[in-house]
Amino acid sequence: MFDIWGVSTDAANEILTYWLIPAEPARSYFRSLISDLARRFDAPVFEPHVTLYVTQPGNENPADVLRKIFRNIEPPRLSIPAIKYSDEFTKTLFVEFQPDESLARLNGKLRAASASRPEYQLNPHLSLIYKTMSSETKVQLANSLRIPSDDVRFDSTKAVISPARIESRADVEAWRVVAEENFAK
């Protein structure tokens, strides 16, 4: 059996995810938007992030991996082609990012540094709400939102342990940050 990221869930009930964190002022903007949507729709509040890679926990030291890969690199900047929605809980409403070569390189470095190498499919997006909603509500929200910039710069990364399946508020609230690293300035 595989979770939504294509990682086998037979081996563990948890996954290790590596996130990109937006730099200011985008971080505050997305944090506020996520909090507002969570309040309006009784959904969980979470940190704005783009999942860069997913693997099995316990086989590597996430702090060492982050230090090795993310120290002294140019912070990535990703362009935003659209705000989209889906029927997936973890992609209820999200900002889609244009994949680029720097992102693919970072994903490849994480894959190479990982003791377990699942077939993770990079799909850069920043979720705005995790909630089962009607299609009409998602369409209305997607059409009403205006992101104040055409791109977002990222200045840090985090390693997070989470349940292998993210299907509820409790799953989101179970996330645990286990390591952080800022990019070189």
N, C-alpha and C. Protein backbone atom coordinates (compact mmCIF):
# COMPACT_ATOMS: atom_id res chain seq x y z
N MET A 1 0.84 -1.18 0.00
CA MET A 1 0.00 0.00 0.00
C MET A 1 0.89 1.25 0.00
N PHE A 2 0.45 2.30 -0.71
CA PHE A 2 1.22 3.53 -0.81
C PHE A 2 0.39 4.70 -0.33
N ASP A 3 1.05 5.69 0.30
CA ASP A 3 0.33 6.89 0.73
C ASP A 3 0.20 7.83 -0.46
N ILE A 4 -0.33 9.03 -0.22
CA ILE A 4 -0.59 9.96 -1.32
C ILE A 4 0.68 10.47 -1.98
N TRP A 5 1.85 10.31 -1.34
CA TRP A 5 3.11 10.76 -1.93
C TRP A 5 3.83 9.63 -2.65
N GLY A 6 3.25 8.44 -2.67
CA GLY A 6 3.88 7.33 -3.35
C GLY A 6 4.88 6.59 -2.48
N VAL A 7 4.85 6.83 -1.17
CA VAL A 7 5.76 6.16 -0.23
C VAL A 7 5.04 4.95 0.34
N SER A 8 5.73 3.82 0.38
CA SER A 8 5.13 2.61 0.93
C SER A 8 4.77 2.81 2.39
N THR A 9 3.54 2.46 2.75
CA THR A 9 3.10 2.59 4.14
C THR A 9 3.14 1.26 4.87
N ASP A 10 3.54 0.20 4.19
CA ASP A 10 3.62 -1.10 4.84
C ASP A 10 4.72 -1.11 5.89
N ALA A 11 5.80 -0.38 5.64
CA ALA A 11 6.97 -0.41 6.51
C ALA A 11 6.79 0.42 7.77
N ALA A 12 5.98 1.45 7.74
CA ALA A 12 5.86 2.34 8.89
C ALA A 12 4.54 3.10 8.84
N ASN A 13 4.13 3.57 10.01
CA ASN A 13 2.93 4.40 10.08
C ASN A 13 3.26 5.87 10.03
N GLU A 14 4.56 6.19 9.92
CA GLU A 14 4.99 7.58 9.85
C GLU A 14 5.90 7.79 8.65
N ILE A 15 5.98 9.05 8.23
CA ILE A 15 6.88 9.43 7.16
C ILE A 15 7.72 10.62 7.63
N LEU A 16 8.85 10.80 6.97
CA LEU A 16 9.71 11.95 7.18
C LEU A 16 9.59 12.81 5.94
N THR A 17 9.16 14.05 6.12
CA THR A 17 9.01 14.96 4.99
C THR A 17 9.99 16.11 5.14
N TYR A 18 10.48 16.57 4.00
CA TYR A 18 11.37 17.74 3.97
C TYR A 18 10.60 18.87 3.30
N TRP A 19 10.52 19.99 4.00
CA TRP A 19 9.74 21.14 3.54
C TRP A 19 10.62 22.32 3.18
N LEU A 20 10.18 23.10 2.21
CA LEU A 20 10.70 24.44 1.97
C LEU A 20 9.76 25.42 2.65
N ILE A 21 10.31 26.42 3.34
CA ILE A 21 9.51 27.40 4.07
C ILE A 21 9.66 28.76 3.38
N PRO A 22 8.54 29.43 3.08
CA PRO A 22 8.62 30.73 2.41
C PRO A 22 9.34 31.77 3.27
N ALA A 23 10.04 32.67 2.60
CA ALA A 23 10.69 33.81 3.26
C ALA A 23 9.64 34.90 3.48
N GLU A 24 9.96 35.85 4.34
CA GLU A 24 9.08 37.02 4.52
C GLU A 24 9.14 37.88 3.26
N PRO A 25 8.09 38.55 2.89
CA PRO A 25 6.81 38.69 3.58
C PRO A 25 5.80 37.58 3.25
N ALA A 26 6.16 36.68 2.32
CA ALA A 26 5.23 35.61 1.91
C ALA A 26 4.87 34.70 3.08
N ARG A 27 5.83 34.42 3.96
CA ARG A 27 5.55 33.53 5.10
C ARG A 27 4.39 34.09 5.94
N SER A 28 4.47 35.37 6.28
CA SER A 28 3.40 35.98 7.10
C SER A 28 2.08 36.03 6.34
N TYR A 29 2.15 36.33 5.05
CA TYR A 29 0.93 36.37 4.24
C TYR A 29 0.25 35.00 4.24
N PHE A 30 1.00 33.94 3.93
CA PHE A 30 0.40 32.61 3.86
C PHE A 30 -0.03 32.13 5.25
N ARG A 31 0.74 32.43 6.27
CA ARG A 31 0.36 32.04 7.63
C ARG A 31 -0.99 32.67 8.00
N SER A 32 -1.15 33.94 7.69
CA SER A 32 -2.40 34.64 7.98
C SER A 32 -3.56 34.07 7.16
N LEU A 33 -3.32 33.81 5.89
CA LEU A 33 -4.37 33.24 5.03
C LEU A 33 -4.78 31.85 5.51
N ILE A 34 -3.81 31.01 5.84
CA ILE A 34 -4.12 29.67 6.35
C ILE A 34 -4.91 29.76 7.65
N SER A 35 -4.51 30.64 8.55
CA SER A 35 -5.23 30.82 9.83
C SER A 35 -6.65 31.31 9.59
N ASP A 36 -6.80 32.26 8.68
CA ASP A 36 -8.13 32.79 8.38
C ASP A 36 -9.04 31.71 7.80
N LEU A 37 -8.54 30.95 6.83
CA LEU A 37 -9.35 29.87 6.25
C LEU A 37 -9.67 28.79 7.28
N ALA A 38 -8.72 28.48 8.15
CA ALA A 38 -8.94 27.48 9.20
C ALA A 38 -10.05 27.94 10.15
N ARG A 39 -10.02 29.22 10.52
CA ARG A 39 -11.05 29.76 11.41
C ARG A 39 -12.42 29.74 10.73
N ARG A 40 -12.47 30.19 9.48
CA ARG A 40 -13.74 30.28 8.76
C ARG A 40 -14.37 28.92 8.50
N PHE A 41 -13.53 27.88 8.30
CA PHE A 41 -14.06 26.58 7.89
C PHE A 41 -13.77 25.47 8.91
N ASP A 42 -13.39 25.84 10.13
CA ASP A 42 -13.11 24.87 11.18
C ASP A 42 -12.14 23.79 10.70
N ALA A 43 -10.99 24.24 10.26
CA ALA A 43 -9.95 23.36 9.73
C ALA A 43 -8.67 23.53 10.56
N PRO A 44 -7.71 22.63 10.42
CA PRO A 44 -6.47 22.76 11.19
C PRO A 44 -5.59 23.90 10.68
N VAL A 45 -4.85 24.49 11.60
CA VAL A 45 -3.85 25.50 11.26
C VAL A 45 -2.52 24.78 11.11
N PHE A 46 -1.73 25.17 10.10
CA PHE A 46 -0.44 24.52 9.86
C PHE A 46 0.52 25.55 9.28
N GLU A 47 1.78 25.22 9.29
CA GLU A 47 2.80 26.11 8.77
C GLU A 47 2.81 26.08 7.24
N PRO A 48 2.91 27.26 6.61
CA PRO A 48 3.00 27.26 5.14
C PRO A 48 4.30 26.58 4.70
N HIS A 49 4.18 25.70 3.73
CA HIS A 49 5.35 24.94 3.28
C HIS A 49 5.11 24.32 1.91
N VAL A 50 6.20 23.95 1.27
CA VAL A 50 6.18 23.16 0.04
C VAL A 50 6.93 21.88 0.34
N THR A 51 6.28 20.74 0.17
CA THR A 51 6.95 19.46 0.41
C THR A 51 7.91 19.18 -0.73
N LEU A 52 9.17 18.99 -0.36
CA LEU A 52 10.23 18.78 -1.34
C LEU A 52 10.56 17.30 -1.52
N TYR A 53 10.42 16.53 -0.43
CA TYR A 53 10.75 15.11 -0.50
C TYR A 53 10.12 14.38 0.67
N VAL A 54 9.79 13.12 0.47
CA VAL A 54 9.18 12.28 1.51
C VAL A 54 9.92 10.95 1.54
N THR A 55 10.24 10.48 2.74
CA THR A 55 10.94 9.21 2.89
C THR A 55 10.50 8.55 4.20
N GLN A 56 11.13 7.44 4.54
CA GLN A 56 10.85 6.73 5.79
C GLN A 56 11.70 7.31 6.91
N PRO A 57 11.14 7.52 8.11
CA PRO A 57 11.95 8.02 9.23
C PRO A 57 12.80 6.93 9.84
N GLY A 58 13.78 7.36 10.61
CA GLY A 58 14.57 6.42 11.39
C GLY A 58 15.83 5.91 10.73
N ASN A 59 15.97 6.13 9.43
CA ASN A 59 17.13 5.61 8.71
C ASN A 59 18.22 6.66 8.50
N GLU A 60 17.95 7.91 8.88
CA GLU A 60 18.90 8.98 8.66
C GLU A 60 18.71 10.04 9.73
N ASN A 61 19.69 10.88 9.90
CA ASN A 61 19.60 12.00 10.83
C ASN A 61 19.16 13.23 10.02
N PRO A 62 17.90 13.66 10.18
CA PRO A 62 17.40 14.76 9.36
C PRO A 62 18.20 16.05 9.52
N ALA A 63 18.69 16.34 10.71
CA ALA A 63 19.49 17.56 10.91
C ALA A 63 20.76 17.51 10.08
N ASP A 64 21.41 16.36 10.04
CA ASP A 64 22.63 16.21 9.22
C ASP A 64 22.31 16.36 7.74
N VAL A 65 21.21 15.78 7.31
CA VAL A 65 20.80 15.87 5.91
C VAL A 65 20.55 17.33 5.53
N LEU A 66 19.80 18.05 6.37
CA LEU A 66 19.51 19.46 6.08
C LEU A 66 20.78 20.29 6.03
N ARG A 67 21.68 20.08 7.00
CA ARG A 67 22.95 20.84 7.03
C ARG A 67 23.76 20.58 5.77
N LYS A 68 23.84 19.33 5.40
CA LYS A 68 24.65 18.92 4.25
C LYS A 68 24.11 19.51 2.94
N ILE A 69 22.81 19.53 2.78
CA ILE A 69 22.21 19.90 1.51
C ILE A 69 21.88 21.39 1.40
N PHE A 70 21.43 22.00 2.48
CA PHE A 70 20.86 23.35 2.38
C PHE A 70 21.76 24.47 2.86
N ARG A 71 22.86 24.16 3.47
CA ARG A 71 23.76 25.23 3.88
C ARG A 71 24.52 25.73 2.66
N ASN A 72 24.65 27.04 2.56
CA ASN A 72 25.41 27.69 1.48
C ASN A 72 24.83 27.46 0.08
N ILE A 73 23.52 27.45 -0.01
CA ILE A 73 22.91 27.40 -1.35
C ILE A 73 22.10 28.68 -1.55
N GLU A 74 21.88 29.01 -2.78
CA GLU A 74 21.05 30.15 -3.12
C GLU A 74 19.59 29.80 -2.82
N PRO A 75 18.88 30.65 -2.06
CA PRO A 75 17.47 30.34 -1.75
C PRO A 75 16.64 30.24 -3.03
N PRO A 76 15.85 29.19 -3.15
CA PRO A 76 15.02 29.04 -4.35
C PRO A 76 13.91 30.10 -4.41
N ARG A 77 13.53 30.43 -5.62
CA ARG A 77 12.40 31.34 -5.88
C ARG A 77 11.53 30.62 -6.90
N LEU A 78 10.26 30.41 -6.55
CA LEU A 78 9.35 29.67 -7.43
C LEU A 78 8.23 30.58 -7.91
N SER A 79 7.89 30.46 -9.18
CA SER A 79 6.79 31.26 -9.73
C SER A 79 5.46 30.55 -9.57
N ILE A 80 4.42 31.35 -9.47
CA ILE A 80 3.06 30.87 -9.20
C ILE A 80 2.22 30.98 -10.47
N PRO A 81 1.88 29.84 -11.09
CA PRO A 81 1.00 29.92 -12.26
C PRO A 81 -0.49 29.98 -11.90
N ALA A 82 -0.88 29.42 -10.70
CA ALA A 82 -2.32 29.35 -10.43
C ALA A 82 -2.62 28.98 -8.98
N ILE A 83 -3.84 29.27 -8.57
CA ILE A 83 -4.41 28.74 -7.34
C ILE A 83 -5.37 27.65 -7.80
N LYS A 84 -5.21 26.46 -7.24
CA LYS A 84 -6.01 25.32 -7.68
C LYS A 84 -6.67 24.63 -6.48
N TYR A 85 -7.46 23.62 -6.76
CA TYR A 85 -8.13 22.83 -5.74
C TYR A 85 -8.26 21.41 -6.27
N SER A 86 -8.53 20.49 -5.33
CA SER A 86 -8.71 19.10 -5.73
C SER A 86 -9.59 18.40 -4.70
N ASP A 87 -9.84 17.14 -4.93
CA ASP A 87 -10.60 16.33 -3.98
C ASP A 87 -9.71 15.68 -2.93
N GLU A 88 -8.38 15.83 -3.07
CA GLU A 88 -7.45 15.28 -2.07
C GLU A 88 -7.47 16.16 -0.82
N PHE A 89 -7.52 15.56 0.35
CA PHE A 89 -7.53 16.30 1.60
C PHE A 89 -6.32 17.23 1.69
N THR A 90 -5.15 16.75 1.30
CA THR A 90 -3.93 17.55 1.42
C THR A 90 -3.75 18.56 0.28
N LYS A 91 -4.68 18.57 -0.65
CA LYS A 91 -4.64 19.56 -1.73
C LYS A 91 -6.03 20.15 -1.94
N THR A 92 -6.73 20.40 -0.83
CA THR A 92 -8.08 20.95 -0.92
C THR A 92 -8.07 22.23 -1.74
N LEU A 93 -7.24 23.19 -1.31
CA LEU A 93 -7.05 24.46 -1.99
C LEU A 93 -5.57 24.77 -1.87
N PHE A 94 -4.90 25.09 -2.97
CA PHE A 94 -3.45 25.24 -2.90
C PHE A 94 -2.92 26.20 -3.95
N VAL A 95 -1.74 26.74 -3.67
CA VAL A 95 -0.99 27.55 -4.61
C VAL A 95 -0.09 26.60 -5.37
N GLU A 96 -0.25 26.57 -6.67
CA GLU A 96 0.61 25.73 -7.51
C GLU A 96 1.88 26.51 -7.84
N PHE A 97 3.02 25.82 -7.80
CA PHE A 97 4.29 26.43 -8.19
C PHE A 97 4.81 25.77 -9.46
N GLN A 98 5.46 26.56 -10.27
CA GLN A 98 6.09 26.06 -11.49
C GLN A 98 7.34 25.28 -11.10
N PRO A 99 7.44 23.99 -11.45
CA PRO A 99 8.67 23.25 -11.16
C PRO A 99 9.84 23.91 -11.89
N ASP A 100 11.01 23.87 -11.29
CA ASP A 100 12.19 24.39 -11.97
C ASP A 100 13.40 23.52 -11.67
N GLU A 101 14.48 23.83 -12.35
CA GLU A 101 15.69 23.01 -12.25
C GLU A 101 16.29 23.00 -10.85
N SER A 102 16.28 24.15 -10.16
CA SER A 102 16.86 24.21 -8.81
C SER A 102 16.07 23.32 -7.85
N LEU A 103 14.76 23.30 -8.01
CA LEU A 103 13.91 22.46 -7.17
C LEU A 103 14.18 20.98 -7.45
N ALA A 104 14.30 20.63 -8.70
CA ALA A 104 14.60 19.24 -9.08
C ALA A 104 15.96 18.81 -8.52
N ARG A 105 16.96 19.73 -8.54
CA ARG A 105 18.28 19.41 -7.97
C ARG A 105 18.19 19.16 -6.47
N LEU A 106 17.44 20.02 -5.76
CA LEU A 106 17.28 19.82 -4.31
C LEU A 106 16.59 18.50 -4.01
N ASN A 107 15.56 18.19 -4.77
CA ASN A 107 14.86 16.92 -4.60
C ASN A 107 15.83 15.76 -4.85
N GLY A 108 16.65 15.86 -5.88
CA GLY A 108 17.63 14.81 -6.19
C GLY A 108 18.67 14.66 -5.10
N LYS A 109 19.12 15.77 -4.51
CA LYS A 109 20.08 15.70 -3.41
C LYS A 109 19.47 15.03 -2.18
N LEU A 110 18.20 15.34 -1.90
CA LEU A 110 17.53 14.69 -0.77
C LEU A 110 17.37 13.20 -1.03
N ARG A 111 17.01 12.84 -2.25
CA ARG A 111 16.87 11.43 -2.62
C ARG A 111 18.20 10.70 -2.43
N ALA A 112 19.29 11.31 -2.89
CA ALA A 112 20.62 10.70 -2.78
C ALA A 112 21.07 10.58 -1.32
N ALA A 113 20.70 11.57 -0.48
CA ALA A 113 21.11 11.56 0.92
C ALA A 113 20.25 10.65 1.79
N SER A 114 19.12 10.24 1.27
CA SER A 114 18.17 9.43 2.04
C SER A 114 18.57 7.97 2.05
N ALA A 115 18.50 7.36 3.22
CA ALA A 115 18.81 5.94 3.34
C ALA A 115 17.74 5.10 2.63
N SER A 116 16.51 5.57 2.66
CA SER A 116 15.40 4.91 1.98
C SER A 116 15.04 5.78 0.79
N ARG A 117 14.94 5.22 -0.40
CA ARG A 117 14.70 6.02 -1.60
C ARG A 117 13.37 5.66 -2.28
N PRO A 118 12.28 6.10 -1.68
CA PRO A 118 10.98 5.83 -2.31
C PRO A 118 10.82 6.65 -3.58
N GLU A 119 9.89 6.26 -4.39
CA GLU A 119 9.61 6.97 -5.63
C GLU A 119 8.67 8.13 -5.34
N TYR A 120 9.21 9.21 -4.78
CA TYR A 120 8.42 10.40 -4.48
C TYR A 120 8.28 11.25 -5.73
N GLN A 121 7.08 11.64 -6.05
CA GLN A 121 6.80 12.47 -7.22
C GLN A 121 6.72 13.93 -6.78
N LEU A 122 7.71 14.73 -7.15
CA LEU A 122 7.74 16.15 -6.81
C LEU A 122 6.60 16.88 -7.50
N ASN A 123 5.77 17.55 -6.72
CA ASN A 123 4.62 18.30 -7.23
C ASN A 123 4.52 19.58 -6.38
N PRO A 124 5.31 20.61 -6.69
CA PRO A 124 5.42 21.76 -5.79
C PRO A 124 4.13 22.57 -5.66
N HIS A 125 3.64 22.62 -4.43
CA HIS A 125 2.44 23.39 -4.12
C HIS A 125 2.47 23.77 -2.65
N LEU A 126 1.72 24.79 -2.30
CA LEU A 126 1.58 25.22 -0.92
C LEU A 126 0.10 25.17 -0.60
N SER A 127 -0.28 24.23 0.26
CA SER A 127 -1.68 24.08 0.61
C SER A 127 -2.13 25.25 1.47
N LEU A 128 -3.39 25.64 1.29
CA LEU A 128 -3.96 26.76 2.03
C LEU A 128 -4.99 26.30 3.06
N ILE A 129 -5.56 25.13 2.85
CA ILE A 129 -6.52 24.56 3.81
C ILE A 129 -6.58 23.06 3.59
N TYR A 130 -6.75 22.33 4.68
CA TYR A 130 -6.98 20.89 4.65
C TYR A 130 -8.38 20.67 5.20
N LYS A 131 -9.32 20.39 4.31
CA LYS A 131 -10.71 20.25 4.73
C LYS A 131 -11.50 19.63 3.59
N THR A 132 -12.39 18.72 3.90
CA THR A 132 -13.31 18.21 2.90
C THR A 132 -14.37 19.28 2.68
N MET A 133 -14.50 19.74 1.44
CA MET A 133 -15.40 20.84 1.10
C MET A 133 -16.12 20.54 -0.21
N SER A 134 -17.20 21.24 -0.42
CA SER A 134 -17.91 21.09 -1.69
C SER A 134 -17.09 21.71 -2.81
N SER A 135 -17.30 21.21 -4.01
CA SER A 135 -16.61 21.76 -5.18
C SER A 135 -16.95 23.24 -5.35
N GLU A 136 -18.19 23.60 -5.09
CA GLU A 136 -18.61 24.99 -5.25
C GLU A 136 -17.82 25.91 -4.32
N THR A 137 -17.62 25.49 -3.09
CA THR A 137 -16.87 26.29 -2.12
C THR A 137 -15.43 26.43 -2.55
N LYS A 138 -14.82 25.33 -3.01
CA LYS A 138 -13.43 25.38 -3.46
C LYS A 138 -13.28 26.31 -4.67
N VAL A 139 -14.19 26.22 -5.62
CA VAL A 139 -14.15 27.09 -6.80
C VAL A 139 -14.27 28.55 -6.37
N GLN A 140 -15.21 28.83 -5.50
CA GLN A 140 -15.42 30.20 -5.03
C GLN A 140 -14.16 30.74 -4.33
N LEU A 141 -13.58 29.93 -3.47
CA LEU A 141 -12.37 30.36 -2.77
C LEU A 141 -11.21 30.58 -3.75
N ALA A 142 -11.00 29.63 -4.65
CA ALA A 142 -9.90 29.76 -5.61
C ALA A 142 -10.06 31.01 -6.46
N ASN A 143 -11.27 31.32 -6.84
CA ASN A 143 -11.52 32.50 -7.68
C ASN A 143 -11.43 33.81 -6.90
N SER A 144 -11.61 33.75 -5.59
CA SER A 144 -11.61 34.98 -4.78
C SER A 144 -10.23 35.37 -4.27
N LEU A 145 -9.28 34.45 -4.28
CA LEU A 145 -7.96 34.73 -3.71
C LEU A 145 -7.04 35.38 -4.74
N ARG A 146 -6.28 36.36 -4.26
CA ARG A 146 -5.27 37.02 -5.07
C ARG A 146 -3.97 37.00 -4.29
N ILE A 147 -2.99 36.29 -4.78
CA ILE A 147 -1.68 36.23 -4.14
C ILE A 147 -0.94 37.53 -4.51
N PRO A 148 -0.34 38.22 -3.53
CA PRO A 148 0.24 39.54 -3.80
C PRO A 148 1.52 39.54 -4.64
N SER A 149 2.03 38.40 -5.01
CA SER A 149 3.25 38.33 -5.81
C SER A 149 3.14 37.19 -6.82
N ASP A 150 3.91 37.28 -7.89
CA ASP A 150 3.92 36.24 -8.92
C ASP A 150 4.89 35.11 -8.58
N ASP A 151 5.71 35.33 -7.55
CA ASP A 151 6.66 34.30 -7.15
C ASP A 151 6.91 34.39 -5.64
N VAL A 152 7.53 33.33 -5.12
CA VAL A 152 7.82 33.24 -3.69
C VAL A 152 9.25 32.77 -3.53
N ARG A 153 9.99 33.46 -2.66
CA ARG A 153 11.34 33.05 -2.31
C ARG A 153 11.25 32.21 -1.03
N PHE A 154 12.10 31.21 -0.93
CA PHE A 154 12.14 30.32 0.23
C PHE A 154 13.49 30.48 0.90
N ASP A 155 13.50 30.60 2.25
CA ASP A 155 14.76 30.87 2.94
C ASP A 155 15.14 29.86 4.00
N SER A 156 14.30 28.83 4.18
CA SER A 156 14.64 27.81 5.17
C SER A 156 13.95 26.50 4.82
N THR A 157 14.34 25.49 5.54
CA THR A 157 13.77 24.15 5.32
C THR A 157 13.58 23.48 6.66
N LYS A 158 12.66 22.55 6.71
CA LYS A 158 12.38 21.79 7.93
C LYS A 158 12.20 20.32 7.57
N ALA A 159 12.56 19.48 8.53
CA ALA A 159 12.28 18.05 8.44
C ALA A 159 11.15 17.78 9.44
N VAL A 160 10.12 17.09 8.98
CA VAL A 160 8.91 16.90 9.78
C VAL A 160 8.50 15.43 9.75
N ILE A 161 8.22 14.89 10.93
CA ILE A 161 7.64 13.53 11.03
C ILE A 161 6.13 13.69 11.07
N SER A 162 5.45 12.89 10.27
CA SER A 162 3.99 12.95 10.26
C SER A 162 3.42 11.55 10.06
N PRO A 163 2.12 11.40 10.32
CA PRO A 163 1.49 10.13 9.97
C PRO A 163 1.65 9.87 8.47
N ALA A 164 1.73 8.61 8.10
CA ALA A 164 1.90 8.26 6.68
C ALA A 164 0.69 8.68 5.86
N ARG A 165 -0.47 8.69 6.48
CA ARG A 165 -1.69 9.12 5.79
C ARG A 165 -2.19 10.39 6.48
N ILE A 166 -2.41 11.42 5.68
CA ILE A 166 -2.94 12.69 6.19
C ILE A 166 -4.38 12.78 5.69
N GLU A 167 -5.31 12.45 6.59
CA GLU A 167 -6.72 12.40 6.19
C GLU A 167 -7.64 13.15 7.13
N SER A 168 -7.07 13.76 8.19
CA SER A 168 -7.92 14.41 9.18
C SER A 168 -7.16 15.53 9.90
N ARG A 169 -7.89 16.32 10.64
CA ARG A 169 -7.30 17.38 11.46
C ARG A 169 -6.29 16.79 12.43
N ALA A 170 -6.63 15.66 13.06
CA ALA A 170 -5.71 15.02 14.02
C ALA A 170 -4.40 14.63 13.35
N ASP A 171 -4.45 14.17 12.11
CA ASP A 171 -3.22 13.81 11.39
C ASP A 171 -2.34 15.04 11.18
N VAL A 172 -2.94 16.17 10.80
CA VAL A 172 -2.19 17.41 10.60
C VAL A 172 -1.61 17.89 11.92
N GLU A 173 -2.39 17.82 12.97
CA GLU A 173 -1.93 18.30 14.28
C GLU A 173 -0.88 17.38 14.91
N ALA A 174 -0.66 16.21 14.32
CA ALA A 174 0.37 15.28 14.83
C ALA A 174 1.75 15.55 14.24
N TRP A 175 1.86 16.48 13.30
CA TRP A 175 3.16 16.78 12.69
C TRP A 175 4.16 17.23 13.74
N ARG A 176 5.42 16.76 13.63
CA ARG A 176 6.49 17.13 14.57
C ARG A 176 7.72 17.57 13.79
N VAL A 177 8.13 18.82 13.98
CA VAL A 177 9.37 19.31 13.37
C VAL A 177 10.53 18.68 14.12
N VAL A 178 11.45 18.02 13.39
CA VAL A 178 12.59 17.36 14.02
C VAL A 178 13.93 18.01 13.67
N ALA A 179 13.93 18.91 12.67
CA ALA A 179 15.17 19.61 12.30
C ALA A 179 14.82 20.82 11.44
N GLU A 180 15.67 21.85 11.49
CA GLU A 180 15.50 23.06 10.70
C GLU A 180 16.85 23.55 10.21
N GLU A 181 16.84 24.22 9.07
CA GLU A 181 18.07 24.80 8.54
C GLU A 181 17.70 26.03 7.71
N ASN A 182 18.42 27.13 7.93
CA ASN A 182 18.26 28.34 7.12
C ASN A 182 19.25 28.29 5.97
N PHE A 183 18.85 28.82 4.83
CA PHE A 183 19.75 28.91 3.70
C PHE A 183 20.74 30.03 3.94
N ALA A 184 21.85 29.99 3.23
CA ALA A 184 22.85 31.06 3.31
C ALA A 184 22.21 32.36 2.83
N LYS A 185 22.60 33.44 3.43
CA LYS A 185 22.04 34.74 3.05
C LYS A 185 22.94 35.43 2.07
